[in-house]
Amino acid sequence: MRTLAIGDIHGCLTALETLLSIVPIEKDDRIVFLGDYVDRGPDSRGVIDRILEQRRRNEVICLTGNHEIMMRDARFEPDTYRSWLGFGGEETLESYADDPTVDPSLKLVPDRHWRFLDRICEPYFETDTHIFVHANAVPDLPLNEQSELWLHWEKFADRGPHQSGKQVICGHTSQKSGWPLNVGHAMVIDTWVYGDGWLTCLDVDQGTFWQANQKGEHRGGPKAS
């Protein structure tokens, strides 16, 4: 069984569909999505539907990104709602508005998507060899003592290996080069798909990765190093 990690998608369904079509996913593979499924790209609704579909085929772990937190909180906090619109929420709402005569609204988000955001998405995931977080992890704290700020919002900086000795796999800090950042004890695989970059799927044990973009192009990267 392999563990495959997929970086920040940000509503880029074409890139996600292309990536899943080129990665040779087997039935016993585990897929870890690192969060930020929504905002900025054109089809956040389609991305969540596609992930829910993949959950019927494989073991799928979905982490919570800061953009999921903003979307959830926007239901109840007017100030967060207004702020969220400026961070890609407007594009997310438009993806739920099938009828152009209907104003985009959070009321259009189906219950299955709120269940996904509220119940299915997790703050972190850990195996015998790896730690998966959306944003970052304090090196000298176990995962169950990490703050929401670090797990979901803190930009990546090399502060040394985690006390567990496990490699940390994260997203959140977009790599404008389009290539993953590998510092040995940690890898960042948000490769800026909503900009001019790529969406990355990493085989965490082998260190190999595949990438796709919103143009439907794809490439298989060299061993991540």
Foldseek 3Di string as FASTA:
>chain_A
DFEKEWEAQAQLVLFVVLQVVPDPDDQAYEYEYAENLHFLYQASVNSVVVLVVVVVRHRYAYAYAPLLVLLVCVVPDVVSVVVSVVRGVVSRQVNLCPDPVDDRDPVSDDPVVVCCSPPRHHQWDDDLAETEAAAAADQEDPPVPGDSCHRHPDHDDPPDAHPSQHAYEYEDHEDCVQAWDPPPSYIYQRPPQSHPHWIWMARVVQQWIKTGHSVSDIDTDDRHD
